[in-house]
C-alpha atoms as a PDB file:
ATOM      1  CA  UNK A   1      -2.550  80.370 -19.750  1.00  0.00           C
ATOM      2  CA  UNK A   2      -0.745  77.654 -17.869  1.00  0.00           C
ATOM      3  CA  UNK A   3      -2.072  76.492 -14.520  1.00  0.00           C
ATOM      4  CA  UNK A   4       1.270  75.721 -13.016  1.00  0.00           C
ATOM      5  CA  UNK A   5      -0.095  75.618  -9.428  1.00  0.00           C
ATOM      6  CA  UNK A   6      -2.478  72.831 -10.303  1.00  0.00           C
ATOM      7  CA  UNK A   7      -1.401  69.217 -10.078  1.00  0.00           C
ATOM      8  CA  UNK A   8      -3.253  66.931 -12.512  1.00  0.00           C
ATOM      9  CA  UNK A   9      -2.657  63.188 -12.226  1.00  0.00           C
ATOM     10  CA  UNK A  10      -4.566  60.077 -13.431  1.00  0.00           C
ATOM     11  CA  UNK A  11      -3.382  56.811 -12.010  1.00  0.00           C
ATOM     12  CA  UNK A  12       0.142  58.117 -11.517  1.00  0.00           C
ATOM     13  CA  UNK A  13       0.453  59.843 -14.842  1.00  0.00           C
ATOM     14  CA  UNK A  14       0.746  63.628 -15.137  1.00  0.00           C
ATOM     15  CA  UNK A  15      -1.926  65.043 -17.451  1.00  0.00           C
ATOM     16  CA  UNK A  16      -2.762  68.425 -18.733  1.00  0.00           C
ATOM     17  CA  UNK A  17      -6.150  69.744 -17.587  1.00  0.00           C
ATOM     18  CA  UNK A  18      -7.936  68.945 -20.835  1.00  0.00           C
ATOM     19  CA  UNK A  19      -6.949  65.254 -20.870  1.00  0.00           C
ATOM     20  CA  UNK A  20      -7.793  65.004 -17.153  1.00  0.00           C
ATOM     21  CA  UNK A  21     -11.323  66.322 -17.929  1.00  0.00           C
ATOM     22  CA  UNK A  22     -11.615  63.813 -20.815  1.00  0.00           C
ATOM     23  CA  UNK A  23     -10.741  60.915 -18.546  1.00  0.00           C
ATOM     24  CA  UNK A  24     -13.435  62.015 -16.083  1.00  0.00           C
ATOM     25  CA  UNK A  25     -15.942  62.138 -18.914  1.00  0.00           C
ATOM     26  CA  UNK A  26     -15.040  58.571 -19.959  1.00  0.00           C
ATOM     27  CA  UNK A  27     -16.165  57.619 -16.517  1.00  0.00           C
ATOM     28  CA  UNK A  28     -19.476  59.443 -16.841  1.00  0.00           C
ATOM     29  CA  UNK A  29     -18.627  62.690 -15.019  1.00  0.00           C
ATOM     30  CA  UNK A  30     -18.431  66.268 -16.243  1.00  0.00           C
ATOM     31  CA  UNK A  31     -15.637  68.220 -14.542  1.00  0.00           C
ATOM     32  CA  UNK A  32     -15.359  72.008 -14.124  1.00  0.00           C
ATOM     33  CA  UNK A  33     -12.522  73.894 -12.571  1.00  0.00           C
ATOM     34  CA  UNK A  34     -12.874  77.164 -10.834  1.00  0.00           C
ATOM     35  CA  UNK A  35     -11.679  80.015 -13.063  1.00  0.00           C
ATOM     36  CA  UNK A  36      -8.869  81.152 -10.776  1.00  0.00           C
ATOM     37  CA  UNK A  37      -7.200  78.193  -9.108  1.00  0.00           C
ATOM     38  CA  UNK A  38      -5.075  78.851  -6.030  1.00  0.00           C
ATOM     39  CA  UNK A  39      -1.748  77.352  -4.935  1.00  0.00           C
ATOM     40  CA  UNK A  40      -2.276  73.780  -3.730  1.00  0.00           C
ATOM     41  CA  UNK A  41      -5.173  73.154  -6.017  1.00  0.00           C
ATOM     42  CA  UNK A  42      -5.223  69.555  -7.185  1.00  0.00           C
ATOM     43  CA  UNK A  43      -6.936  67.128  -9.583  1.00  0.00           C
ATOM     44  CA  UNK A  44      -5.472  63.766  -8.680  1.00  0.00           C
ATOM     45  CA  UNK A  45      -7.216  60.352  -9.110  1.00  0.00           C
ATOM     46  CA  UNK A  46      -5.815  56.874  -8.560  1.00  0.00           C
ATOM     47  CA  UNK A  47      -8.483  54.488  -9.752  1.00  0.00           C
ATOM     48  CA  UNK A  48      -8.287  50.712 -10.233  1.00  0.00           C
ATOM     49  CA  UNK A  49     -10.605  47.873 -11.145  1.00  0.00           C
ATOM     50  CA  UNK A  50     -11.491  45.315  -8.450  1.00  0.00           C
ATOM     51  CA  UNK A  51     -13.568  42.694 -10.236  1.00  0.00           C
ATOM     52  CA  UNK A  52     -17.029  44.179 -10.796  1.00  0.00           C
ATOM     53  CA  UNK A  53     -16.102  47.243  -8.687  1.00  0.00           C
ATOM     54  CA  UNK A  54     -13.614  50.080  -8.863  1.00  0.00           C
ATOM     55  CA  UNK A  55     -11.542  51.129  -5.847  1.00  0.00           C
ATOM     56  CA  UNK A  56      -9.555  54.403  -5.607  1.00  0.00           C
ATOM     57  CA  UNK A  57      -8.649  57.675  -3.990  1.00  0.00           C
ATOM     58  CA  UNK A  58      -8.667  61.266  -5.031  1.00  0.00           C
ATOM     59  CA  UNK A  59      -7.266  64.641  -4.018  1.00  0.00           C
ATOM     60  CA  UNK A  60      -9.354  67.392  -5.359  1.00  0.00           C
ATOM     61  CA  UNK A  61      -9.585  71.188  -4.893  1.00  0.00           C
ATOM     62  CA  UNK A  62     -11.212  73.947  -6.838  1.00  0.00           C
ATOM     63  CA  UNK A  63     -13.204  71.221  -8.721  1.00  0.00           C
ATOM     64  CA  UNK A  64     -16.837  70.653  -9.445  1.00  0.00           C
ATOM     65  CA  UNK A  65     -18.188  67.329 -10.648  1.00  0.00           C
ATOM     66  CA  UNK A  66     -21.597  66.219 -11.920  1.00  0.00           C
ATOM     67  CA  UNK A  67     -23.016  63.327 -14.093  1.00  0.00           C
ATOM     68  CA  UNK A  68     -22.559  63.935 -17.803  1.00  0.00           C
ATOM     69  CA  UNK A  69     -26.062  63.918 -19.380  1.00  0.00           C
ATOM     70  CA  UNK A  70     -24.939  61.761 -22.369  1.00  0.00           C
ATOM     71  CA  UNK A  71     -23.414  59.222 -19.915  1.00  0.00           C
ATOM     72  CA  UNK A  72     -26.258  59.116 -17.389  1.00  0.00           C
ATOM     73  CA  UNK A  73     -27.347  55.600 -18.319  1.00  0.00           C
ATOM     74  CA  UNK A  74     -23.734  54.284 -17.891  1.00  0.00           C
ATOM     75  CA  UNK A  75     -23.224  56.078 -14.560  1.00  0.00           C
ATOM     76  CA  UNK A  76     -26.716  55.239 -13.278  1.00  0.00           C
ATOM     77  CA  UNK A  77     -25.866  51.519 -13.172  1.00  0.00           C
ATOM     78  CA  UNK A  78     -23.584  52.149 -10.261  1.00  0.00           C
ATOM     79  CA  UNK A  79     -23.668  53.569  -6.775  1.00  0.00           C
ATOM     80  CA  UNK A  80     -20.634  55.405  -5.177  1.00  0.00           C
ATOM     81  CA  UNK A  81     -19.361  55.106  -1.649  1.00  0.00           C
ATOM     82  CA  UNK A  82     -17.237  58.110  -0.675  1.00  0.00           C
ATOM     83  CA  UNK A  83     -15.220  58.397   2.467  1.00  0.00           C
ATOM     84  CA  UNK A  84     -13.856  61.887   3.303  1.00  0.00           C
ATOM     85  CA  UNK A  85     -10.320  61.551   4.747  1.00  0.00           C
ATOM     86  CA  UNK A  86      -9.556  65.224   5.044  1.00  0.00           C
ATOM     87  CA  UNK A  87     -11.001  68.563   3.919  1.00  0.00           C
ATOM     88  CA  UNK A  88     -14.718  68.776   3.056  1.00  0.00           C
ATOM     89  CA  UNK A  89     -17.094  67.832   0.319  1.00  0.00           C
ATOM     90  CA  UNK A  90     -20.347  69.691  -0.544  1.00  0.00           C
ATOM     91  CA  UNK A  91     -23.035  67.645  -2.385  1.00  0.00           C
ATOM     92  CA  UNK A  92     -26.020  69.258  -4.099  1.00  0.00           C
ATOM     93  CA  UNK A  93     -28.959  67.027  -4.758  1.00  0.00           C
ATOM     94  CA  UNK A  94     -32.588  67.977  -5.161  1.00  0.00           C
ATOM     95  CA  UNK A  95     -31.528  71.658  -4.648  1.00  0.00           C
ATOM     96  CA  UNK A  96     -30.338  70.844  -1.231  1.00  0.00           C
ATOM     97  CA  UNK A  97     -26.699  71.531  -0.235  1.00  0.00           C
ATOM     98  CA  UNK A  98     -25.024  69.186   2.287  1.00  0.00           C
ATOM     99  CA  UNK A  99     -21.421  69.496   3.620  1.00  0.00           C
ATOM    100  CA  UNK A 100     -19.478  66.458   4.628  1.00  0.00           C
ATOM    101  CA  UNK A 101     -16.337  66.899   6.613  1.00  0.00           C
ATOM    102  CA  UNK A 102     -13.447  64.571   7.367  1.00  0.00           C
ATOM    103  CA  UNK A 103     -14.652  61.179   8.693  1.00  0.00           C
ATOM    104  CA  UNK A 104     -17.891  61.225   6.763  1.00  0.00           C
ATOM    105  CA  UNK A 105     -18.916  58.116   4.838  1.00  0.00           C
ATOM    106  CA  UNK A 106     -21.808  58.427   2.352  1.00  0.00           C
ATOM    107  CA  UNK A 107     -23.438  56.655  -0.533  1.00  0.00           C
ATOM    108  CA  UNK A 108     -24.394  58.611  -3.673  1.00  0.00           C
ATOM    109  CA  UNK A 109     -26.841  57.385  -6.308  1.00  0.00           C
ATOM    110  CA  UNK A 110     -26.041  59.083  -9.667  1.00  0.00           C
ATOM    111  CA  UNK A 111     -29.420  58.205 -11.065  1.00  0.00           C
ATOM    112  CA  UNK A 112     -30.931  60.976  -9.024  1.00  0.00           C
ATOM    113  CA  UNK A 113     -28.341  63.504 -10.223  1.00  0.00           C
ATOM    114  CA  UNK A 114     -25.881  65.408  -8.043  1.00  0.00           C
ATOM    115  CA  UNK A 115     -23.119  68.026  -7.983  1.00  0.00           C
ATOM    116  CA  UNK A 116     -19.938  67.620  -5.960  1.00  0.00           C
ATOM    117  CA  UNK A 117     -18.089  70.710  -4.817  1.00  0.00           C
ATOM    118  CA  UNK A 118     -14.437  70.514  -3.694  1.00  0.00           C
ATOM    119  CA  UNK A 119     -13.209  73.925  -2.528  1.00  0.00           C
ATOM    120  CA  UNK A 120     -10.107  73.432  -0.338  1.00  0.00           C
ATOM    121  CA  UNK A 121      -7.940  70.448  -0.875  1.00  0.00           C
ATOM    122  CA  UNK A 122      -9.954  67.372  -0.008  1.00  0.00           C
ATOM    123  CA  UNK A 123      -8.862  63.709   0.111  1.00  0.00           C
ATOM    124  CA  UNK A 124     -11.491  61.032  -0.445  1.00  0.00           C
ATOM    125  CA  UNK A 125     -11.479  57.267  -0.758  1.00  0.00           C
ATOM    126  CA  UNK A 126     -13.869  55.964  -3.472  1.00  0.00           C
ATOM    127  CA  UNK A 127     -15.739  52.753  -4.186  1.00  0.00           C
ATOM    128  CA  UNK A 128     -17.851  52.408  -7.362  1.00  0.00           C
ATOM    129  CA  UNK A 129     -20.149  49.336  -7.207  1.00  0.00           C
ATOM    130  CA  UNK A 130     -22.837  47.912  -9.522  1.00  0.00           C
ATOM    131  CA  UNK A 131     -26.334  48.586  -8.276  1.00  0.00           C
ATOM    132  CA  UNK A 132     -27.066  44.924  -8.963  1.00  0.00           C
ATOM    133  CA  UNK A 133     -24.423  43.846  -6.447  1.00  0.00           C
ATOM    134  CA  UNK A 134     -26.423  45.478  -3.631  1.00  0.00           C
ATOM    135  CA  UNK A 135     -29.727  44.152  -4.936  1.00  0.00           C
ATOM    136  CA  UNK A 136     -28.290  40.626  -5.053  1.00  0.00           C
ATOM    137  CA  UNK A 137     -27.336  40.838  -1.401  1.00  0.00           C
ATOM    138  CA  UNK A 138     -30.794  41.972  -0.325  1.00  0.00           C
ATOM    139  CA  UNK A 139     -29.529  45.502   0.413  1.00  0.00           C
ATOM    140  CA  UNK A 140     -31.094  48.774  -0.432  1.00  0.00           C
ATOM    141  CA  UNK A 141     -29.845  49.905  -3.846  1.00  0.00           C
ATOM    142  CA  UNK A 142     -31.524  53.146  -4.540  1.00  0.00           C
ATOM    143  CA  UNK A 143     -30.953  56.431  -2.734  1.00  0.00           C
ATOM    144  CA  UNK A 144     -32.884  59.541  -3.543  1.00  0.00           C
ATOM    145  CA  UNK A 145     -30.436  61.563  -1.329  1.00  0.00           C
ATOM    146  CA  UNK A 146     -27.048  60.879   0.114  1.00  0.00           C
ATOM    147  CA  UNK A 147     -27.124  58.074   2.637  1.00  0.00           C
ATOM    148  CA  UNK A 148     -24.797  58.918   5.528  1.00  0.00           C
ATOM    149  CA  UNK A 149     -23.322  56.136   7.692  1.00  0.00           C
ATOM    150  CA  UNK A 150     -23.673  56.650  11.509  1.00  0.00           C
ATOM    151  CA  UNK A 151     -20.388  58.360  12.516  1.00  0.00           C
ATOM    152  CA  UNK A 152     -20.831  57.366  16.100  1.00  0.00           C
ATOM    153  CA  UNK A 153     -21.011  53.602  15.416  1.00  0.00           C
ATOM    154  CA  UNK A 154     -17.814  51.715  16.347  1.00  0.00           C
ATOM    155  CA  UNK A 155     -18.624  49.234  13.499  1.00  0.00           C
ATOM    156  CA  UNK A 156     -18.843  52.062  10.970  1.00  0.00           C
ATOM    157  CA  UNK A 157     -15.574  53.490  12.144  1.00  0.00           C
ATOM    158  CA  UNK A 158     -13.912  50.122  11.639  1.00  0.00           C
ATOM    159  CA  UNK A 159     -15.288  49.806   8.112  1.00  0.00           C
ATOM    160  CA  UNK A 160     -14.267  53.389   7.383  1.00  0.00           C
ATOM    161  CA  UNK A 161     -10.661  52.632   8.492  1.00  0.00           C
ATOM    162  CA  UNK A 162     -10.638  49.502   6.214  1.00  0.00           C
ATOM    163  CA  UNK A 163     -11.925  51.595   3.269  1.00  0.00           C
ATOM    164  CA  UNK A 164      -9.029  54.129   3.838  1.00  0.00           C
ATOM    165  CA  UNK A 165      -6.383  51.465   3.868  1.00  0.00           C
ATOM    166  CA  UNK A 166      -7.914  49.583   0.845  1.00  0.00           C
ATOM    167  CA  UNK A 167      -7.974  52.788  -1.190  1.00  0.00           C
ATOM    168  CA  UNK A 168      -4.468  53.800  -0.230  1.00  0.00           C
ATOM    169  CA  UNK A 169      -3.023  50.373  -1.228  1.00  0.00           C
ATOM    170  CA  UNK A 170      -5.169  49.734  -4.362  1.00  0.00           C
ATOM    171  CA  UNK A 171      -2.472  50.961  -6.808  1.00  0.00           C
ATOM    172  CA  UNK A 172       0.128  48.660  -5.311  1.00  0.00           C
ATOM    173  CA  UNK A 173      -1.866  45.429  -5.153  1.00  0.00           C
ATOM    174  CA  UNK A 174      -2.665  42.800  -7.804  1.00  0.00           C
ATOM    175  CA  UNK A 175      -6.009  42.736  -9.506  1.00  0.00           C
ATOM    176  CA  UNK A 176      -7.025  39.367  -7.868  1.00  0.00           C
ATOM    177  CA  UNK A 177      -6.347  40.885  -4.448  1.00  0.00           C
ATOM    178  CA  UNK A 178      -8.195  44.020  -5.287  1.00  0.00           C
ATOM    179  CA  UNK A 179     -11.189  41.839  -6.306  1.00  0.00           C
ATOM    180  CA  UNK A 180     -11.025  40.234  -2.911  1.00  0.00           C
ATOM    181  CA  UNK A 181     -10.889  43.588  -1.243  1.00  0.00           C
ATOM    182  CA  UNK A 182     -13.873  44.677  -3.269  1.00  0.00           C
ATOM    183  CA  UNK A 183     -15.913  41.566  -2.247  1.00  0.00           C
ATOM    184  CA  UNK A 184     -15.107  42.361   1.433  1.00  0.00           C
ATOM    185  CA  UNK A 185     -16.300  45.946   1.056  1.00  0.00           C
ATOM    186  CA  UNK A 186     -19.545  44.675  -0.510  1.00  0.00           C
ATOM    187  CA  UNK A 187     -20.033  42.163   2.305  1.00  0.00           C
ATOM    188  CA  UNK A 188     -19.714  45.066   4.833  1.00  0.00           C
ATOM    189  CA  UNK A 189     -22.138  47.437   3.242  1.00  0.00           C
ATOM    190  CA  UNK A 190     -24.943  46.281   5.602  1.00  0.00           C
ATOM    191  CA  UNK A 191     -22.911  48.022   8.385  1.00  0.00           C
ATOM    192  CA  UNK A 192     -22.971  51.306   6.497  1.00  0.00           C
ATOM    193  CA  UNK A 193     -26.671  50.932   5.691  1.00  0.00           C
ATOM    194  CA  UNK A 194     -27.669  50.172   9.302  1.00  0.00           C
ATOM    195  CA  UNK A 195     -29.403  53.446  10.186  1.00  0.00           C
ATOM    196  CA  UNK A 196     -31.928  53.525  13.077  1.00  0.00           C
ATOM    197  CA  UNK A 197     -33.807  56.274  11.272  1.00  0.00           C
ATOM    198  CA  UNK A 198     -34.727  53.899   8.493  1.00  0.00           C
ATOM    199  CA  UNK A 199     -37.098  51.011   8.681  1.00  0.00           C
ATOM    200  CA  UNK A 200     -35.240  47.834   9.688  1.00  0.00           C
ATOM    201  CA  UNK A 201     -34.689  45.236   6.943  1.00  0.00           C
ATOM    202  CA  UNK A 202     -35.015  42.429   9.430  1.00  0.00           C
ATOM    203  CA  UNK A 203     -33.470  39.022   9.026  1.00  0.00           C
ATOM    204  CA  UNK A 204     -34.584  38.500   5.498  1.00  0.00           C
ATOM    205  CA  UNK A 205     -33.494  35.413   3.605  1.00  0.00           C
ATOM    206  CA  UNK A 206     -31.225  37.516   1.395  1.00  0.00           C
ATOM    207  CA  UNK A 207     -29.553  39.026   4.452  1.00  0.00           C
ATOM    208  CA  UNK A 208     -28.992  35.518   5.942  1.00  0.00           C
ATOM    209  CA  UNK A 209     -27.403  34.384   2.671  1.00  0.00           C
ATOM    210  CA  UNK A 210     -25.038  37.331   2.890  1.00  0.00           C
ATOM    211  CA  UNK A 211     -24.119  36.610   6.534  1.00  0.00           C
ATOM    212  CA  UNK A 212     -23.686  32.937   5.699  1.00  0.00           C
ATOM    213  CA  UNK A 213     -21.201  33.894   2.944  1.00  0.00           C
ATOM    214  CA  UNK A 214     -19.245  36.000   5.457  1.00  0.00           C
ATOM    215  CA  UNK A 215     -19.056  33.054   7.948  1.00  0.00           C
ATOM    216  CA  UNK A 216     -18.088  30.533   5.292  1.00  0.00           C
ATOM    217  CA  UNK A 217     -15.347  32.812   3.874  1.00  0.00           C
ATOM    218  CA  UNK A 218     -13.934  33.278   7.384  1.00  0.00           C
ATOM    219  CA  UNK A 219     -13.949  29.507   8.020  1.00  0.00           C
ATOM    220  CA  UNK A 220     -13.149  28.382   4.511  1.00  0.00           C
ATOM    221  CA  UNK A 221     -10.038  26.393   5.367  1.00  0.00           C
ATOM    222  CA  UNK A 222     -11.977  24.158   7.795  1.00  0.00           C
ATOM    223  CA  UNK A 223     -12.578  20.985   5.811  1.00  0.00           C
ATOM    224  CA  UNK A 224     -14.940  19.732   8.578  1.00  0.00           C
ATOM    225  CA  UNK A 225     -17.237  22.748   8.369  1.00  0.00           C
ATOM    226  CA  UNK A 226     -20.842  21.733   9.165  1.00  0.00           C
ATOM    227  CA  UNK A 227     -24.246  23.304   8.925  1.00  0.00           C
ATOM    228  CA  UNK A 228     -24.397  23.362  12.720  1.00  0.00           C
ATOM    229  CA  UNK A 229     -21.112  25.244  12.969  1.00  0.00           C
ATOM    230  CA  UNK A 230     -22.325  27.858  10.405  1.00  0.00           C
ATOM    231  CA  UNK A 231     -25.599  28.248  12.236  1.00  0.00           C
ATOM    232  CA  UNK A 232     -23.862  28.684  15.614  1.00  0.00           C
ATOM    233  CA  UNK A 233     -21.838  31.542  14.191  1.00  0.00           C
ATOM    234  CA  UNK A 234     -25.074  33.182  12.971  1.00  0.00           C
ATOM    235  CA  UNK A 235     -26.827  32.599  16.308  1.00  0.00           C
ATOM    236  CA  UNK A 236     -29.624  30.693  14.725  1.00  0.00           C
ATOM    237  CA  UNK A 237     -30.746  27.080  14.544  1.00  0.00           C
ATOM    238  CA  UNK A 238     -29.480  24.803  11.777  1.00  0.00           C
ATOM    239  CA  UNK A 239     -33.036  24.215  10.609  1.00  0.00           C
ATOM    240  CA  UNK A 240     -33.756  27.967  10.305  1.00  0.00           C
ATOM    241  CA  UNK A 241     -30.548  28.398   8.356  1.00  0.00           C
ATOM    242  CA  UNK A 242     -31.407  25.529   6.070  1.00  0.00           C
ATOM    243  CA  UNK A 243     -34.912  27.038   5.459  1.00  0.00           C
ATOM    244  CA  UNK A 244     -33.512  30.456   4.571  1.00  0.00           C
ATOM    245  CA  UNK A 245     -31.016  29.184   2.171  1.00  0.00           C
ATOM    246  CA  UNK A 246     -33.424  26.811   0.636  1.00  0.00           C
ATOM    247  CA  UNK A 247     -35.776  29.817  -0.090  1.00  0.00           C
ATOM    248  CA  UNK A 248     -32.757  31.355  -1.929  1.00  0.00           C
ATOM    249  CA  UNK A 249     -32.391  28.134  -4.000  1.00  0.00           C
ATOM    250  CA  UNK A 250     -29.335  26.607  -2.292  1.00  0.00           C
ATOM    251  CA  UNK A 251     -28.506  24.178   0.564  1.00  0.00           C
ATOM    252  CA  UNK A 252     -25.944  25.294   3.203  1.00  0.00           C
ATOM    253  CA  UNK A 253     -23.219  22.852   2.318  1.00  0.00           C
ATOM    254  CA  UNK A 254     -23.731  23.211  -1.450  1.00  0.00           C
ATOM    255  CA  UNK A 255     -23.473  26.973  -0.896  1.00  0.00           C
ATOM    256  CA  UNK A 256     -20.268  26.558   1.090  1.00  0.00           C
ATOM    257  CA  UNK A 257     -18.998  24.244  -1.698  1.00  0.00           C
ATOM    258  CA  UNK A 258     -19.695  26.854  -4.280  1.00  0.00           C
ATOM    259  CA  UNK A 259     -17.852  29.539  -2.298  1.00  0.00           C
ATOM    260  CA  UNK A 260     -14.894  27.274  -1.867  1.00  0.00           C
ATOM    261  CA  UNK A 261     -14.601  26.901  -5.649  1.00  0.00           C
ATOM    262  CA  UNK A 262     -15.078  30.629  -6.208  1.00  0.00           C
ATOM    263  CA  UNK A 263     -12.324  31.414  -3.760  1.00  0.00           C
ATOM    264  CA  UNK A 264     -10.051  28.801  -5.298  1.00  0.00           C
ATOM    265  CA  UNK A 265     -10.479  30.556  -8.713  1.00  0.00           C
ATOM    266  CA  UNK A 266      -9.603  33.936  -7.138  1.00  0.00           C
ATOM    267  CA  UNK A 267      -6.414  32.464  -5.567  1.00  0.00           C
ATOM    268  CA  UNK A 268      -5.332  30.749  -8.766  1.00  0.00           C
ATOM    269  CA  UNK A 269      -5.651  33.907 -10.993  1.00  0.00           C
ATOM    270  CA  UNK A 270      -2.252  35.262 -11.928  1.00  0.00           C
ATOM    271  CA  UNK A 271      -0.332  32.258 -10.592  1.00  0.00           C
ATOM    272  CA  UNK A 272       2.110  30.132 -12.605  1.00  0.00           C
ATOM    273  CA  UNK A 273       1.243  26.632 -13.720  1.00  0.00           C
ATOM    274  CA  UNK A 274       2.353  24.784 -10.563  1.00  0.00           C
ATOM    275  CA  UNK A 275       0.963  21.602  -9.072  1.00  0.00           C
ATOM    276  CA  UNK A 276       2.202  22.481  -5.606  1.00  0.00           C
ATOM    277  CA  UNK A 277       0.489  25.856  -5.775  1.00  0.00           C
ATOM    278  CA  UNK A 278      -2.801  24.048  -6.754  1.00  0.00           C
ATOM    279  CA  UNK A 279      -2.431  21.749  -3.843  1.00  0.00           C
ATOM    280  CA  UNK A 280      -1.909  24.668  -1.481  1.00  0.00           C
ATOM    281  CA  UNK A 281      -4.977  26.377  -2.824  1.00  0.00           C
ATOM    282  CA  UNK A 282      -6.938  23.225  -2.237  1.00  0.00           C
ATOM    283  CA  UNK A 283      -6.110  23.140   1.414  1.00  0.00           C
ATOM    284  CA  UNK A 284      -6.598  26.842   1.915  1.00  0.00           C
ATOM    285  CA  UNK A 285     -10.075  26.393   0.496  1.00  0.00           C
ATOM    286  CA  UNK A 286     -11.067  23.527   2.812  1.00  0.00           C
ATOM    287  CA  UNK A 287     -10.467  20.566   0.446  1.00  0.00           C
ATOM    288  CA  UNK A 288      -8.675  17.795   2.308  1.00  0.00           C
ATOM    289  CA  UNK A 289      -7.963  15.843  -0.793  1.00  0.00           C
ATOM    290  CA  UNK A 290      -6.137  17.575  -3.692  1.00  0.00           C
ATOM    291  CA  UNK A 291      -7.359  15.116  -6.255  1.00  0.00           C
ATOM    292  CA  UNK A 292     -10.956  15.654  -5.174  1.00  0.00           C
ATOM    293  CA  UNK A 293     -10.399  19.444  -5.420  1.00  0.00           C
ATOM    294  CA  UNK A 294      -9.043  19.010  -8.956  1.00  0.00           C
ATOM    295  CA  UNK A 295     -12.038  16.982 -10.124  1.00  0.00           C
ATOM    296  CA  UNK A 296     -14.536  19.463  -8.537  1.00  0.00           C
ATOM    297  CA  UNK A 297     -12.736  22.496  -9.934  1.00  0.00           C
ATOM    298  CA  UNK A 298     -12.650  20.953 -13.454  1.00  0.00           C
ATOM    299  CA  UNK A 299     -16.387  20.215 -13.277  1.00  0.00           C
ATOM    300  CA  UNK A 300     -17.075  23.861 -12.334  1.00  0.00           C
ATOM    301  CA  UNK A 301     -14.588  25.622 -14.704  1.00  0.00           C
ATOM    302  CA  UNK A 302     -14.012  23.108 -17.517  1.00  0.00           C
ATOM    303  CA  UNK A 303     -10.244  22.829 -16.797  1.00  0.00           C
ATOM    304  CA  UNK A 304      -7.914  21.704 -14.104  1.00  0.00           C
ATOM    305  CA  UNK A 305      -6.576  24.171 -11.470  1.00  0.00           C
ATOM    306  CA  UNK A 306      -3.127  24.205 -13.073  1.00  0.00           C
ATOM    307  CA  UNK A 307      -4.655  24.777 -16.556  1.00  0.00           C
ATOM    308  CA  UNK A 308      -6.845  27.592 -15.143  1.00  0.00           C
ATOM    309  CA  UNK A 309      -3.786  29.283 -13.443  1.00  0.00           C
ATOM    310  CA  UNK A 310      -1.794  28.977 -16.652  1.00  0.00           C
ATOM    311  CA  UNK A 311      -4.604  30.534 -18.762  1.00  0.00           C
ATOM    312  CA  UNK A 312      -5.084  33.395 -16.298  1.00  0.00           C
ATOM    313  CA  UNK A 313      -1.346  34.102 -16.289  1.00  0.00           C
ATOM    314  CA  UNK A 314      -1.418  34.213 -20.135  1.00  0.00           C
ATOM    315  CA  UNK A 315      -4.366  36.613 -20.160  1.00  0.00           C
ATOM    316  CA  UNK A 316      -2.588  38.823 -17.550  1.00  0.00           C
ATOM    317  CA  UNK A 317       0.566  38.886 -19.607  1.00  0.00           C
ATOM    318  CA  UNK A 318      -1.320  39.824 -22.774  1.00  0.00           C
ATOM    319  CA  UNK A 319      -2.977  42.712 -20.973  1.00  0.00           C
ATOM    320  CA  UNK A 320       0.453  43.969 -19.716  1.00  0.00           C
ATOM    321  CA  UNK A 321       1.768  43.882 -23.274  1.00  0.00           C
END
């Protein structure tokens, strides 16, 4: 029997239902469709890598999803952020059924098992992130039940809108840009996890490191960036900032230096071998002297900026072929 009313797509490619289910299984999920799909039913996923994360969107109806037992270890290494754009999602965890309507933003931990139910057509934005990425940022990384972001918070609303836009554009953007988007989403997770019903994390050293990174990335092009300027942005003293970063094993300026080189590598990925381009990247990352940038970059990555860009372009070309 053909299900002509059901649209099945995976990253822009039409698939029959069997192949669509196989793709879901490769990502650690078992998929079951209702026996009698109705007009307008859908199984559409547009899913793209973003560095260590994956970003995408889905349109689902008459579909039930749950972790595949044989892939539980693979899936359990990650945490999922889901943003309901329209329709509704029902999550079953620990025999408790919770409905999430349009505008809901929630974190799901597959290691505790769950079942997702999509009845009517529902659109969701998705972010899959390594559990270790949350842990490294001093954030909570284990959730025995769905963690729901505060829908009344203006900050949460802003992050939700950014997630929608990021997911919508993920298929049309380059992998280096998606990686940058993914890092921004990770850096904003503390907003989603800020729930007054939970015990406050306080200004831990790990949280200060995370906020320092956010400030440095925003001010990256300023070649005169100082510890005092970073501390002012964080509303703390320079000495307190230095102590917090020292506890994490770094100094403020060395940390800023490291972030500059990381950002430079991201900007150079996928670019052609071009000295002017390398010089532009140097200035965008706060290096006032292109030659100094080239020496520092080579010390970190073992090759010059132009060699790095050329190698990345070659790798990208091989992937496309």
